[in-house]
N, C-alpha and C. Protein backbone atom coordinates (compact mmCIF):
# COMPACT_ATOMS: atom_id res chain seq x y z
N UNK A 1 38.58 28.46 -64.48
CA UNK A 1 37.91 29.19 -65.63
C UNK A 1 37.78 28.23 -66.80
N UNK A 2 36.62 28.21 -67.46
CA UNK A 2 36.40 27.40 -68.64
C UNK A 2 37.29 27.91 -69.80
N UNK A 3 37.99 26.93 -70.34
CA UNK A 3 38.93 27.35 -71.47
C UNK A 3 38.42 26.81 -72.82
N UNK A 4 37.06 26.53 -72.92
CA UNK A 4 36.52 26.01 -74.19
C UNK A 4 36.79 27.00 -75.26
N UNK A 5 37.22 26.40 -76.41
CA UNK A 5 37.58 27.17 -77.58
C UNK A 5 36.26 27.58 -78.27
N UNK A 6 36.31 28.76 -79.02
CA UNK A 6 35.12 29.17 -79.75
C UNK A 6 34.73 28.08 -80.83
N UNK A 7 33.44 27.80 -80.97
CA UNK A 7 32.94 26.83 -81.92
C UNK A 7 33.03 27.31 -83.35
N UNK A 8 32.89 26.38 -84.19
CA UNK A 8 32.92 26.77 -85.67
C UNK A 8 31.64 27.50 -86.06
N UNK A 9 30.46 27.01 -85.53
CA UNK A 9 29.18 27.58 -85.87
C UNK A 9 29.12 29.10 -85.43
N UNK A 10 29.54 29.32 -84.20
CA UNK A 10 29.49 30.67 -83.68
C UNK A 10 30.48 31.60 -84.43
N UNK A 11 31.59 31.10 -84.79
CA UNK A 11 32.57 31.84 -85.58
C UNK A 11 32.01 32.15 -86.95
N UNK A 12 31.46 31.16 -87.60
CA UNK A 12 30.94 31.36 -88.97
C UNK A 12 29.77 32.30 -88.93
N UNK A 13 28.84 32.22 -87.95
CA UNK A 13 27.75 33.12 -87.81
C UNK A 13 28.28 34.58 -87.59
N UNK A 14 29.27 34.76 -86.81
CA UNK A 14 29.72 36.10 -86.56
C UNK A 14 30.34 36.73 -87.83
N UNK A 15 31.02 35.89 -88.57
CA UNK A 15 31.59 36.47 -89.84
C UNK A 15 30.44 36.83 -90.83
N UNK A 16 29.41 36.03 -90.84
CA UNK A 16 28.32 36.46 -91.74
C UNK A 16 27.48 37.67 -91.11
N UNK A 17 27.44 37.77 -89.81
CA UNK A 17 26.71 38.88 -89.25
C UNK A 17 27.33 40.22 -89.52
N UNK A 18 28.67 40.24 -89.62
CA UNK A 18 29.28 41.50 -89.79
C UNK A 18 28.86 42.29 -91.06
N UNK A 19 28.48 41.60 -92.13
CA UNK A 19 28.07 42.35 -93.35
C UNK A 19 26.78 43.08 -93.12
N UNK A 20 25.66 42.45 -92.81
CA UNK A 20 24.44 43.25 -92.54
C UNK A 20 24.57 44.26 -91.45
N UNK A 21 25.31 43.90 -90.36
CA UNK A 21 25.51 44.85 -89.26
C UNK A 21 26.27 46.05 -89.77
N UNK A 22 27.31 45.78 -90.67
CA UNK A 22 28.11 46.83 -91.22
C UNK A 22 27.29 47.75 -92.13
N UNK A 23 26.44 47.19 -92.89
CA UNK A 23 25.63 48.01 -93.82
C UNK A 23 24.70 48.91 -92.97
N UNK A 24 24.05 48.29 -91.98
CA UNK A 24 23.13 49.18 -91.11
C UNK A 24 23.95 50.21 -90.37
N UNK A 25 24.95 49.92 -89.74
CA UNK A 25 25.78 50.83 -89.00
C UNK A 25 26.28 51.93 -89.83
N UNK A 26 26.84 51.60 -90.98
CA UNK A 26 27.50 52.58 -91.91
C UNK A 26 26.38 53.51 -92.40
N UNK A 27 25.20 52.99 -92.83
CA UNK A 27 24.18 53.82 -93.41
C UNK A 27 23.58 54.78 -92.41
N UNK A 28 23.26 54.30 -91.18
CA UNK A 28 22.66 55.14 -90.22
C UNK A 28 23.62 56.14 -89.76
N UNK A 29 24.93 55.79 -89.58
CA UNK A 29 25.90 56.73 -89.05
C UNK A 29 26.16 57.85 -90.10
N UNK A 30 26.40 57.49 -91.34
CA UNK A 30 26.65 58.51 -92.37
C UNK A 30 25.47 59.45 -92.60
N UNK A 31 24.31 58.78 -92.75
CA UNK A 31 23.01 59.62 -92.86
C UNK A 31 22.76 60.43 -91.61
N UNK A 32 22.92 59.92 -90.44
CA UNK A 32 22.74 60.68 -89.24
C UNK A 32 23.72 61.84 -89.14
N UNK A 33 25.00 61.67 -89.41
CA UNK A 33 25.94 62.80 -89.34
C UNK A 33 25.72 63.87 -90.36
N UNK A 34 25.43 63.37 -91.60
CA UNK A 34 25.15 64.34 -92.67
C UNK A 34 23.88 65.17 -92.48
N UNK A 35 22.83 64.53 -92.03
CA UNK A 35 21.55 65.27 -91.67
C UNK A 35 21.80 66.17 -90.53
N UNK A 36 22.53 65.64 -89.56
CA UNK A 36 22.70 66.54 -88.39
C UNK A 36 23.41 67.90 -88.74
N UNK A 37 24.46 67.72 -89.52
CA UNK A 37 25.24 68.98 -89.87
C UNK A 37 24.31 69.92 -90.79
N UNK A 38 23.54 69.24 -91.72
CA UNK A 38 22.74 70.07 -92.63
C UNK A 38 21.61 70.72 -91.86
N UNK A 39 21.07 70.09 -90.80
CA UNK A 39 19.89 70.61 -90.12
C UNK A 39 20.25 71.47 -88.87
N UNK A 40 21.51 71.65 -88.65
CA UNK A 40 21.83 72.44 -87.46
C UNK A 40 21.43 73.93 -87.52
N UNK A 41 21.38 74.54 -88.59
CA UNK A 41 20.77 75.90 -88.65
C UNK A 41 19.31 75.94 -88.24
N UNK A 42 18.60 74.84 -88.32
CA UNK A 42 17.25 74.73 -87.93
C UNK A 42 17.11 74.17 -86.52
N UNK A 43 18.27 73.87 -85.90
CA UNK A 43 18.35 73.45 -84.52
C UNK A 43 17.85 71.89 -84.45
N UNK A 44 17.32 71.40 -85.42
CA UNK A 44 16.96 70.04 -85.47
C UNK A 44 18.16 69.07 -85.49
N UNK A 45 19.24 69.60 -86.04
CA UNK A 45 20.43 68.82 -86.18
C UNK A 45 21.17 68.47 -84.89
N UNK A 46 20.92 69.32 -83.83
CA UNK A 46 21.55 69.06 -82.57
C UNK A 46 21.12 67.79 -81.87
N UNK A 47 19.73 67.66 -81.71
CA UNK A 47 19.37 66.36 -81.06
C UNK A 47 19.58 65.22 -81.97
N UNK A 48 19.61 65.44 -83.29
CA UNK A 48 19.86 64.25 -84.23
C UNK A 48 21.34 63.85 -84.11
N UNK A 49 22.22 64.85 -83.93
CA UNK A 49 23.65 64.50 -83.73
C UNK A 49 23.86 63.72 -82.40
N UNK A 50 23.16 64.15 -81.45
CA UNK A 50 23.22 63.44 -80.16
C UNK A 50 22.76 62.01 -80.31
N UNK A 51 21.67 61.76 -80.92
CA UNK A 51 21.10 60.46 -81.17
C UNK A 51 22.08 59.62 -82.00
N UNK A 52 22.66 60.23 -82.98
CA UNK A 52 23.61 59.51 -83.88
C UNK A 52 24.89 59.11 -83.08
N UNK A 53 25.33 60.02 -82.24
CA UNK A 53 26.63 59.76 -81.48
C UNK A 53 26.32 58.57 -80.48
N UNK A 54 25.16 58.59 -79.82
CA UNK A 54 24.86 57.61 -78.84
C UNK A 54 24.56 56.25 -79.58
N UNK A 55 23.95 56.33 -80.72
CA UNK A 55 23.74 55.11 -81.49
C UNK A 55 25.03 54.39 -81.89
N UNK A 56 26.02 55.20 -82.33
CA UNK A 56 27.29 54.59 -82.72
C UNK A 56 27.98 53.95 -81.58
N UNK A 57 28.00 54.66 -80.44
CA UNK A 57 28.60 54.18 -79.28
C UNK A 57 27.96 52.82 -78.74
N UNK A 58 26.68 52.81 -78.78
CA UNK A 58 26.02 51.65 -78.28
C UNK A 58 26.09 50.47 -79.22
N UNK A 59 26.03 50.77 -80.50
CA UNK A 59 26.24 49.73 -81.48
C UNK A 59 27.60 49.11 -81.32
N UNK A 60 28.56 49.89 -81.09
CA UNK A 60 29.97 49.43 -80.98
C UNK A 60 30.16 48.51 -79.70
N UNK A 61 29.40 48.90 -78.64
CA UNK A 61 29.47 48.08 -77.42
C UNK A 61 28.75 46.71 -77.67
N UNK A 62 27.52 46.84 -78.36
CA UNK A 62 26.77 45.63 -78.64
C UNK A 62 27.47 44.69 -79.53
N UNK A 63 28.26 45.32 -80.56
CA UNK A 63 29.03 44.43 -81.40
C UNK A 63 30.11 43.70 -80.58
N UNK A 64 30.72 44.41 -79.67
CA UNK A 64 31.76 43.77 -78.84
C UNK A 64 31.20 42.66 -77.99
N UNK A 65 29.95 42.90 -77.40
CA UNK A 65 29.30 41.91 -76.60
C UNK A 65 28.95 40.63 -77.37
N UNK A 66 28.48 40.88 -78.63
CA UNK A 66 28.18 39.74 -79.44
C UNK A 66 29.41 38.94 -79.83
N UNK A 67 30.46 39.64 -80.13
CA UNK A 67 31.78 38.98 -80.40
C UNK A 67 32.21 38.09 -79.28
N UNK A 68 32.12 38.68 -78.06
CA UNK A 68 32.50 37.88 -76.80
C UNK A 68 31.65 36.70 -76.67
N UNK A 69 30.35 36.84 -76.78
CA UNK A 69 29.39 35.78 -76.54
C UNK A 69 29.58 34.60 -77.61
N UNK A 70 29.78 34.99 -78.87
CA UNK A 70 29.98 33.98 -79.87
C UNK A 70 31.30 33.33 -79.94
N UNK A 71 32.35 34.04 -79.62
CA UNK A 71 33.72 33.61 -79.78
C UNK A 71 34.40 33.09 -78.52
N UNK A 72 33.73 33.19 -77.45
CA UNK A 72 34.27 32.87 -76.11
C UNK A 72 33.30 31.98 -75.29
N UNK A 73 33.85 31.21 -74.40
CA UNK A 73 32.97 30.32 -73.59
C UNK A 73 32.08 31.19 -72.69
N UNK A 74 30.86 30.67 -72.45
CA UNK A 74 29.89 31.50 -71.65
C UNK A 74 30.43 31.96 -70.28
N UNK A 75 31.23 31.15 -69.61
CA UNK A 75 31.66 31.55 -68.24
C UNK A 75 32.58 32.80 -68.22
N UNK A 76 33.18 33.00 -69.34
CA UNK A 76 34.11 34.09 -69.37
C UNK A 76 33.59 35.30 -70.17
N UNK A 77 32.40 35.17 -70.75
CA UNK A 77 31.85 36.20 -71.53
C UNK A 77 30.94 37.18 -70.85
N UNK A 78 30.54 36.87 -69.67
CA UNK A 78 29.50 37.69 -68.96
C UNK A 78 29.88 39.10 -68.79
N UNK A 79 31.07 39.39 -68.36
CA UNK A 79 31.47 40.82 -68.01
C UNK A 79 32.66 41.26 -68.75
N UNK A 80 33.05 40.80 -69.93
CA UNK A 80 34.17 41.07 -70.60
C UNK A 80 34.18 42.38 -71.29
N UNK A 81 33.06 42.98 -71.43
CA UNK A 81 32.97 44.24 -72.23
C UNK A 81 32.36 45.33 -71.33
N UNK A 82 33.06 46.41 -71.29
CA UNK A 82 32.69 47.53 -70.44
C UNK A 82 31.21 48.08 -70.91
N UNK A 83 30.42 48.37 -69.97
CA UNK A 83 29.02 48.65 -70.20
C UNK A 83 28.61 50.14 -69.89
N UNK A 84 29.48 50.95 -69.67
CA UNK A 84 29.25 52.31 -69.26
C UNK A 84 28.45 53.05 -70.37
N UNK A 85 28.74 52.74 -71.62
CA UNK A 85 28.12 53.44 -72.71
C UNK A 85 26.58 53.15 -72.79
N UNK A 86 26.20 51.97 -72.14
CA UNK A 86 24.80 51.56 -72.20
C UNK A 86 23.98 51.95 -71.03
N UNK A 87 24.62 52.70 -70.05
CA UNK A 87 23.93 53.13 -68.84
C UNK A 87 23.26 54.46 -69.01
N UNK A 88 21.92 54.47 -68.98
CA UNK A 88 21.24 55.71 -69.22
C UNK A 88 21.32 56.69 -68.08
N UNK A 89 21.75 56.23 -66.85
CA UNK A 89 21.82 57.17 -65.75
C UNK A 89 23.03 58.12 -65.86
N UNK A 90 23.96 57.75 -66.69
CA UNK A 90 25.17 58.61 -66.77
C UNK A 90 24.85 59.96 -67.36
N UNK A 91 23.82 60.17 -68.10
CA UNK A 91 23.51 61.40 -68.67
C UNK A 91 22.69 62.38 -67.75
N UNK A 92 22.11 61.76 -66.73
CA UNK A 92 21.35 62.55 -65.74
C UNK A 92 20.22 63.33 -66.41
N UNK A 93 19.92 64.50 -65.87
CA UNK A 93 18.88 65.33 -66.38
C UNK A 93 19.42 66.63 -67.01
N UNK A 94 20.58 66.55 -67.64
CA UNK A 94 21.20 67.73 -68.17
C UNK A 94 20.49 68.11 -69.49
N UNK A 95 20.66 69.33 -69.84
CA UNK A 95 20.04 69.87 -71.08
C UNK A 95 20.64 69.23 -72.31
N UNK A 96 19.98 69.57 -73.43
CA UNK A 96 20.42 68.95 -74.76
C UNK A 96 21.85 69.37 -75.05
N UNK A 97 22.16 70.65 -74.95
CA UNK A 97 23.44 71.12 -75.39
C UNK A 97 24.52 70.61 -74.44
N UNK A 98 24.23 70.47 -73.15
CA UNK A 98 25.15 69.94 -72.21
C UNK A 98 25.44 68.44 -72.48
N UNK A 99 24.42 67.70 -72.86
CA UNK A 99 24.66 66.34 -73.22
C UNK A 99 25.36 66.22 -74.47
N UNK A 100 25.02 67.05 -75.44
CA UNK A 100 25.75 67.02 -76.74
C UNK A 100 27.13 67.38 -76.58
N UNK A 101 27.47 68.41 -75.70
CA UNK A 101 28.91 68.74 -75.47
C UNK A 101 29.68 67.67 -74.81
N UNK A 102 29.04 66.93 -73.90
CA UNK A 102 29.70 65.81 -73.23
C UNK A 102 29.97 64.73 -74.27
N UNK A 103 29.06 64.46 -75.14
CA UNK A 103 29.30 63.41 -76.16
C UNK A 103 30.42 63.79 -77.05
N UNK A 104 30.43 65.02 -77.52
CA UNK A 104 31.44 65.46 -78.49
C UNK A 104 32.76 65.63 -77.95
N UNK A 105 32.85 65.70 -76.55
CA UNK A 105 34.14 65.86 -75.87
C UNK A 105 34.70 64.50 -75.48
N UNK A 106 33.88 63.47 -75.71
CA UNK A 106 34.26 62.12 -75.29
C UNK A 106 34.95 61.41 -76.48
N UNK A 107 36.19 60.92 -76.31
CA UNK A 107 36.88 60.33 -77.51
C UNK A 107 36.16 59.02 -77.88
N UNK A 108 35.46 58.37 -77.02
CA UNK A 108 34.73 57.11 -77.39
C UNK A 108 33.65 57.37 -78.36
N UNK A 109 33.11 58.56 -78.41
CA UNK A 109 32.09 58.95 -79.37
C UNK A 109 32.64 58.89 -80.81
N UNK A 110 33.85 59.45 -80.98
CA UNK A 110 34.50 59.40 -82.38
C UNK A 110 34.91 58.01 -82.71
N UNK A 111 35.40 57.21 -81.65
CA UNK A 111 35.78 55.88 -81.89
C UNK A 111 34.56 55.03 -82.38
N UNK A 112 33.41 55.26 -81.70
CA UNK A 112 32.21 54.56 -82.16
C UNK A 112 31.79 54.98 -83.52
N UNK A 113 31.79 56.21 -83.88
CA UNK A 113 31.44 56.69 -85.22
C UNK A 113 32.38 56.06 -86.31
N UNK A 114 33.63 56.11 -85.92
CA UNK A 114 34.59 55.58 -86.94
C UNK A 114 34.48 54.04 -87.11
N UNK A 115 34.19 53.39 -85.97
CA UNK A 115 34.06 51.92 -86.12
C UNK A 115 32.86 51.51 -86.94
N UNK A 116 31.72 52.24 -86.78
CA UNK A 116 30.43 51.95 -87.55
C UNK A 116 30.73 52.22 -89.04
N UNK A 117 31.66 53.14 -89.38
CA UNK A 117 31.96 53.36 -90.80
C UNK A 117 32.97 52.24 -91.31
N UNK A 118 33.97 51.99 -90.51
CA UNK A 118 34.90 50.97 -90.92
C UNK A 118 34.29 49.50 -90.88
N UNK A 119 33.24 49.33 -90.16
CA UNK A 119 32.60 47.99 -90.06
C UNK A 119 32.08 47.47 -91.41
N UNK A 120 31.74 48.39 -92.23
CA UNK A 120 31.30 48.00 -93.61
C UNK A 120 32.32 47.30 -94.40
N UNK A 121 33.45 47.81 -94.66
CA UNK A 121 34.51 47.03 -95.35
C UNK A 121 34.96 45.79 -94.60
N UNK A 122 34.98 45.88 -93.30
CA UNK A 122 35.23 44.71 -92.42
C UNK A 122 34.27 43.59 -92.69
N UNK A 123 32.99 43.99 -92.78
CA UNK A 123 31.93 43.10 -93.02
C UNK A 123 31.97 42.43 -94.39
N UNK A 124 32.32 43.25 -95.39
CA UNK A 124 32.42 42.68 -96.69
C UNK A 124 33.55 41.72 -96.80
N UNK A 125 34.69 41.97 -96.21
CA UNK A 125 35.81 41.05 -96.24
C UNK A 125 35.51 39.78 -95.42
N UNK A 126 34.88 39.94 -94.21
CA UNK A 126 34.59 38.79 -93.42
C UNK A 126 33.55 37.87 -94.08
N UNK A 127 32.46 38.50 -94.68
CA UNK A 127 31.48 37.67 -95.28
C UNK A 127 32.01 36.93 -96.50
N UNK A 128 32.77 37.66 -97.38
CA UNK A 128 33.39 37.02 -98.49
C UNK A 128 34.33 35.88 -98.16
N UNK A 129 35.17 36.16 -97.11
CA UNK A 129 36.11 35.09 -96.64
C UNK A 129 35.34 33.87 -96.14
N UNK A 130 34.34 34.05 -95.28
CA UNK A 130 33.64 32.94 -94.72
C UNK A 130 32.93 32.08 -95.84
N UNK A 131 32.23 32.78 -96.69
CA UNK A 131 31.48 32.06 -97.70
C UNK A 131 32.35 31.38 -98.68
N UNK A 132 33.47 32.03 -99.03
CA UNK A 132 34.37 31.40 -100.03
C UNK A 132 35.04 30.20 -99.46
N UNK A 133 35.57 30.24 -98.22
CA UNK A 133 36.25 29.13 -97.59
C UNK A 133 35.29 27.90 -97.49
N UNK A 134 34.08 28.20 -96.92
CA UNK A 134 33.14 27.02 -96.72
C UNK A 134 32.65 26.54 -98.04
N UNK A 135 32.41 27.47 -99.03
CA UNK A 135 31.86 26.94 -100.35
C UNK A 135 32.83 26.06 -101.05
N UNK A 136 34.13 26.45 -100.95
CA UNK A 136 35.21 25.63 -101.73
C UNK A 136 35.25 24.31 -101.06
N UNK A 137 35.25 24.21 -99.69
CA UNK A 137 35.33 22.94 -99.01
C UNK A 137 34.08 22.09 -99.28
N UNK A 138 32.91 22.71 -99.28
CA UNK A 138 31.72 21.92 -99.52
C UNK A 138 31.65 21.43 -101.02
N UNK A 139 32.16 22.17 -101.94
CA UNK A 139 32.22 21.84 -103.35
C UNK A 139 33.09 20.58 -103.54
N UNK A 140 34.22 20.59 -102.82
CA UNK A 140 35.16 19.44 -102.93
C UNK A 140 34.52 18.18 -102.38
N UNK A 141 33.87 18.28 -101.21
CA UNK A 141 33.25 17.15 -100.60
C UNK A 141 32.17 16.58 -101.39
N UNK A 142 31.38 17.54 -102.11
CA UNK A 142 30.21 17.10 -102.87
C UNK A 142 30.54 16.69 -104.21
N UNK A 143 31.82 16.63 -104.63
CA UNK A 143 32.16 16.36 -106.01
C UNK A 143 31.61 14.97 -106.53
N UNK A 144 31.75 13.87 -105.81
CA UNK A 144 31.11 12.65 -106.31
C UNK A 144 29.60 12.71 -106.52
N UNK A 145 28.92 13.43 -105.59
CA UNK A 145 27.47 13.49 -105.63
C UNK A 145 27.11 14.33 -106.92
N UNK A 146 27.79 15.55 -107.08
CA UNK A 146 27.50 16.42 -108.20
C UNK A 146 27.81 15.62 -109.49
N UNK A 147 28.93 14.97 -109.50
CA UNK A 147 29.25 14.21 -110.77
C UNK A 147 28.19 13.20 -111.15
N UNK A 148 27.72 12.47 -110.18
CA UNK A 148 26.75 11.40 -110.38
C UNK A 148 25.40 12.00 -110.78
N UNK A 149 24.92 13.07 -110.13
CA UNK A 149 23.66 13.71 -110.45
C UNK A 149 23.66 14.26 -111.85
N UNK A 150 24.76 14.99 -112.22
CA UNK A 150 24.84 15.54 -113.55
C UNK A 150 24.96 14.48 -114.68
N UNK A 151 25.66 13.45 -114.36
CA UNK A 151 25.85 12.39 -115.31
C UNK A 151 24.51 11.60 -115.54
N UNK A 152 23.76 11.34 -114.51
CA UNK A 152 22.54 10.63 -114.59
C UNK A 152 21.39 11.49 -115.19
N UNK A 153 21.41 12.76 -114.81
CA UNK A 153 20.19 13.60 -115.21
C UNK A 153 20.32 14.24 -116.59
N UNK A 154 21.46 14.68 -116.95
CA UNK A 154 21.70 15.41 -118.22
C UNK A 154 22.85 14.87 -119.01
N UNK A 155 23.54 13.83 -118.55
CA UNK A 155 24.54 13.17 -119.31
C UNK A 155 25.86 14.01 -119.42
N UNK A 156 26.14 14.86 -118.47
CA UNK A 156 27.33 15.70 -118.46
C UNK A 156 28.35 15.15 -117.54
N UNK A 157 29.59 14.94 -118.05
CA UNK A 157 30.70 14.47 -117.15
C UNK A 157 31.56 15.68 -116.93
N UNK A 158 31.51 16.21 -115.68
CA UNK A 158 32.17 17.44 -115.42
C UNK A 158 33.69 17.19 -115.31
N UNK A 159 34.13 15.93 -115.24
CA UNK A 159 35.58 15.70 -115.09
C UNK A 159 36.24 15.19 -116.33
N UNK A 160 35.54 15.25 -117.49
CA UNK A 160 36.14 14.71 -118.75
C UNK A 160 36.96 15.76 -119.57
N UNK A 161 36.94 16.95 -119.04
CA UNK A 161 37.66 18.05 -119.84
C UNK A 161 39.17 17.89 -119.75
N UNK A 162 39.82 18.53 -120.58
CA UNK A 162 41.33 18.36 -120.67
C UNK A 162 42.01 18.96 -119.45
N UNK A 163 41.34 19.98 -118.87
CA UNK A 163 42.01 20.60 -117.67
C UNK A 163 42.21 19.57 -116.63
N UNK A 164 41.29 18.75 -116.31
CA UNK A 164 41.51 17.74 -115.25
C UNK A 164 42.45 16.68 -115.68
N UNK A 165 42.47 16.33 -116.98
CA UNK A 165 43.36 15.33 -117.49
C UNK A 165 44.83 15.80 -117.29
N UNK A 166 45.09 17.02 -117.33
CA UNK A 166 46.46 17.57 -117.20
C UNK A 166 46.85 17.55 -115.73
N UNK A 167 45.94 17.75 -114.87
CA UNK A 167 46.26 17.80 -113.41
C UNK A 167 46.43 16.45 -112.78
N UNK A 168 45.76 15.44 -113.35
CA UNK A 168 45.78 14.07 -112.74
C UNK A 168 46.18 13.08 -113.76
N UNK A 169 46.57 11.84 -113.33
CA UNK A 169 46.89 10.82 -114.29
C UNK A 169 45.86 10.48 -115.30
N UNK A 170 46.18 10.21 -116.57
CA UNK A 170 45.15 10.06 -117.57
C UNK A 170 44.39 8.85 -117.47
N UNK A 171 44.88 7.80 -116.74
CA UNK A 171 44.18 6.56 -116.61
C UNK A 171 43.12 6.53 -115.52
N UNK A 172 42.88 7.59 -114.86
CA UNK A 172 41.83 7.68 -113.82
C UNK A 172 40.50 8.03 -114.48
N UNK A 173 39.49 7.37 -113.95
CA UNK A 173 38.15 7.63 -114.42
C UNK A 173 37.57 8.82 -113.78
N UNK A 174 36.49 9.36 -114.32
CA UNK A 174 35.86 10.55 -113.77
C UNK A 174 35.39 10.30 -112.30
N UNK A 175 34.87 9.13 -112.07
CA UNK A 175 34.47 8.77 -110.69
C UNK A 175 35.60 8.81 -109.73
N UNK A 176 36.72 8.20 -110.23
CA UNK A 176 37.91 8.26 -109.31
C UNK A 176 38.39 9.64 -109.00
N UNK A 177 38.39 10.52 -110.04
CA UNK A 177 38.73 11.87 -109.93
C UNK A 177 37.82 12.58 -108.93
N UNK A 178 36.52 12.38 -109.02
CA UNK A 178 35.62 12.93 -108.07
C UNK A 178 35.85 12.49 -106.62
N UNK A 179 36.25 11.27 -106.46
CA UNK A 179 36.56 10.75 -105.16
C UNK A 179 37.89 11.33 -104.57
N UNK A 180 38.81 11.62 -105.47
CA UNK A 180 40.06 12.33 -105.11
C UNK A 180 39.73 13.70 -104.54
N UNK A 181 38.88 14.39 -105.30
CA UNK A 181 38.46 15.72 -104.93
C UNK A 181 37.74 15.69 -103.53
N UNK A 182 36.90 14.67 -103.33
CA UNK A 182 36.21 14.59 -102.06
C UNK A 182 37.32 14.28 -100.92
N UNK A 183 38.19 13.52 -101.18
CA UNK A 183 39.33 13.25 -100.26
C UNK A 183 40.06 14.52 -99.86
N UNK A 184 40.26 15.31 -100.87
CA UNK A 184 40.96 16.57 -100.68
C UNK A 184 40.09 17.42 -99.67
N UNK A 185 38.79 17.45 -99.94
CA UNK A 185 37.87 18.17 -99.12
C UNK A 185 37.89 17.70 -97.68
N UNK A 186 37.98 16.42 -97.47
CA UNK A 186 38.02 15.86 -96.13
C UNK A 186 39.32 16.36 -95.38
N UNK A 187 40.42 16.33 -96.14
CA UNK A 187 41.73 16.80 -95.58
C UNK A 187 41.66 18.28 -95.24
N UNK A 188 40.92 18.97 -95.98
CA UNK A 188 40.81 20.45 -95.71
C UNK A 188 39.83 20.82 -94.63
N UNK A 189 39.09 19.90 -94.11
CA UNK A 189 38.13 20.22 -93.11
C UNK A 189 38.78 20.87 -91.88
N UNK A 190 39.88 20.32 -91.33
CA UNK A 190 40.49 20.98 -90.17
C UNK A 190 41.03 22.37 -90.58
N UNK A 191 41.52 22.57 -91.77
CA UNK A 191 42.03 23.81 -92.21
C UNK A 191 40.93 24.80 -92.28
N UNK A 192 39.79 24.37 -92.81
CA UNK A 192 38.64 25.27 -93.00
C UNK A 192 38.14 25.70 -91.60
N UNK A 193 38.08 24.70 -90.66
CA UNK A 193 37.62 25.03 -89.28
C UNK A 193 38.49 26.06 -88.62
N UNK A 194 39.87 25.85 -88.84
CA UNK A 194 40.82 26.77 -88.18
C UNK A 194 40.79 28.20 -88.83
N UNK A 195 40.60 28.23 -90.17
CA UNK A 195 40.55 29.54 -90.80
C UNK A 195 39.39 30.31 -90.42
N UNK A 196 38.29 29.72 -90.33
CA UNK A 196 36.96 30.34 -89.90
C UNK A 196 37.12 30.88 -88.53
N UNK A 197 37.58 30.07 -87.64
CA UNK A 197 37.68 30.47 -86.20
C UNK A 197 38.71 31.60 -85.98
N UNK A 198 39.81 31.49 -86.64
CA UNK A 198 40.89 32.45 -86.52
C UNK A 198 40.46 33.75 -87.15
N UNK A 199 39.71 33.74 -88.25
CA UNK A 199 39.26 34.96 -88.84
C UNK A 199 38.15 35.65 -87.93
N UNK A 200 37.35 34.81 -87.42
CA UNK A 200 36.34 35.39 -86.52
C UNK A 200 36.94 35.98 -85.26
N UNK A 201 37.93 35.34 -84.70
CA UNK A 201 38.66 35.92 -83.55
C UNK A 201 39.31 37.20 -83.87
N UNK A 202 39.90 37.27 -85.13
CA UNK A 202 40.57 38.51 -85.55
C UNK A 202 39.59 39.70 -85.53
N UNK A 203 38.48 39.50 -86.32
CA UNK A 203 37.48 40.54 -86.40
C UNK A 203 36.84 40.89 -85.03
N UNK A 204 36.61 39.77 -84.27
CA UNK A 204 36.05 39.97 -82.92
C UNK A 204 36.85 40.80 -82.01
N UNK A 205 38.15 40.56 -82.05
CA UNK A 205 39.14 41.35 -81.24
C UNK A 205 39.11 42.79 -81.57
N UNK A 206 38.89 43.09 -82.87
CA UNK A 206 38.85 44.55 -83.23
C UNK A 206 37.67 45.19 -82.51
N UNK A 207 36.56 44.50 -82.55
CA UNK A 207 35.28 45.12 -81.97
C UNK A 207 35.49 45.25 -80.43
N UNK A 208 36.04 44.23 -79.79
CA UNK A 208 36.20 44.28 -78.38
C UNK A 208 37.18 45.32 -77.93
N UNK A 209 38.30 45.45 -78.63
CA UNK A 209 39.33 46.44 -78.25
C UNK A 209 38.87 47.83 -78.53
N UNK A 210 38.15 48.07 -79.63
CA UNK A 210 37.68 49.35 -79.92
C UNK A 210 36.62 49.82 -78.97
N UNK A 211 35.81 48.97 -78.41
CA UNK A 211 34.77 49.26 -77.49
C UNK A 211 35.41 49.67 -76.11
N UNK A 212 36.57 49.42 -75.90
CA UNK A 212 37.23 49.78 -74.60
C UNK A 212 38.57 50.29 -74.78
N UNK A 213 38.70 51.50 -75.45
CA UNK A 213 39.99 52.05 -75.74
C UNK A 213 40.85 52.37 -74.52
N UNK A 214 40.18 52.63 -73.31
CA UNK A 214 40.91 52.97 -72.18
C UNK A 214 41.52 51.74 -71.41
N UNK A 215 41.20 50.60 -71.86
CA UNK A 215 41.75 49.41 -71.15
C UNK A 215 41.09 49.08 -69.98
N UNK A 216 39.78 49.35 -69.81
CA UNK A 216 39.10 49.11 -68.52
C UNK A 216 38.87 47.62 -68.30
N UNK A 217 39.12 46.75 -69.39
CA UNK A 217 38.94 45.35 -69.21
C UNK A 217 40.10 44.64 -68.71
N UNK A 218 41.17 45.40 -68.31
CA UNK A 218 42.33 44.75 -67.85
C UNK A 218 42.16 43.85 -66.71
N UNK A 219 42.65 42.64 -66.70
CA UNK A 219 42.40 41.74 -65.75
C UNK A 219 41.29 40.81 -66.04
N UNK A 220 40.51 41.11 -67.01
CA UNK A 220 39.33 40.20 -67.36
C UNK A 220 39.77 39.31 -68.49
N UNK A 221 39.01 38.28 -68.74
CA UNK A 221 39.44 37.26 -69.74
C UNK A 221 39.26 37.80 -71.11
N UNK A 222 40.34 37.75 -71.89
CA UNK A 222 40.20 38.15 -73.30
C UNK A 222 39.63 37.06 -74.15
N UNK A 223 39.35 37.35 -75.39
CA UNK A 223 38.92 36.34 -76.39
C UNK A 223 40.02 35.36 -76.51
N UNK A 224 39.61 34.09 -76.49
CA UNK A 224 40.58 33.01 -76.46
C UNK A 224 41.04 32.68 -77.88
N UNK A 225 42.21 32.20 -78.05
CA UNK A 225 42.75 31.83 -79.29
C UNK A 225 42.21 30.40 -79.74
N UNK A 226 41.81 30.35 -81.05
CA UNK A 226 41.32 29.08 -81.45
C UNK A 226 42.36 28.05 -81.58
């Protein structure tokens, strides 16, 4: 079995993906459930509730599939997520109320609905974490370039303020300070890489485990640790 660790690009992309996916899932789920309940006296709410329930379940499975594909090597990602929720034949030719009753009696329906709601705060946290970690590291690495551009273009020395003088020896020039910051950025590259990958694995495991609450993936390869 291939034991390749998840890459930084895939992990970073997954953390960014969770925010727009969370907004879409949260909005459609909340609006769908609210409209379904409100329109049930007109009977329009029953098919709408069925559509909303199936949407939440399928989105949860698709979220788990994406997590596996991005955070795991291709050879172990193919069948790691249970696909029953995506099989249209499981519903047969039953009537609307029979299908709706089957959905509402299935615990995975409520798990899917709940996950699409919870995915919004998870997406906000993951997006903020990813952008902040990478932005701080890039800002440190780019310190000499930013210092030189600002000094040459508008004559501003960003390292001449007293704050930096208190943190570092007074005899260091602004250029030397900028190089120190760049060195710190280089030292933090492995830390940034590890934080992004571990964070993506954490959020990815949530999606994968929620998509299979009955443990039907037992014996199959889990998401690997970065």
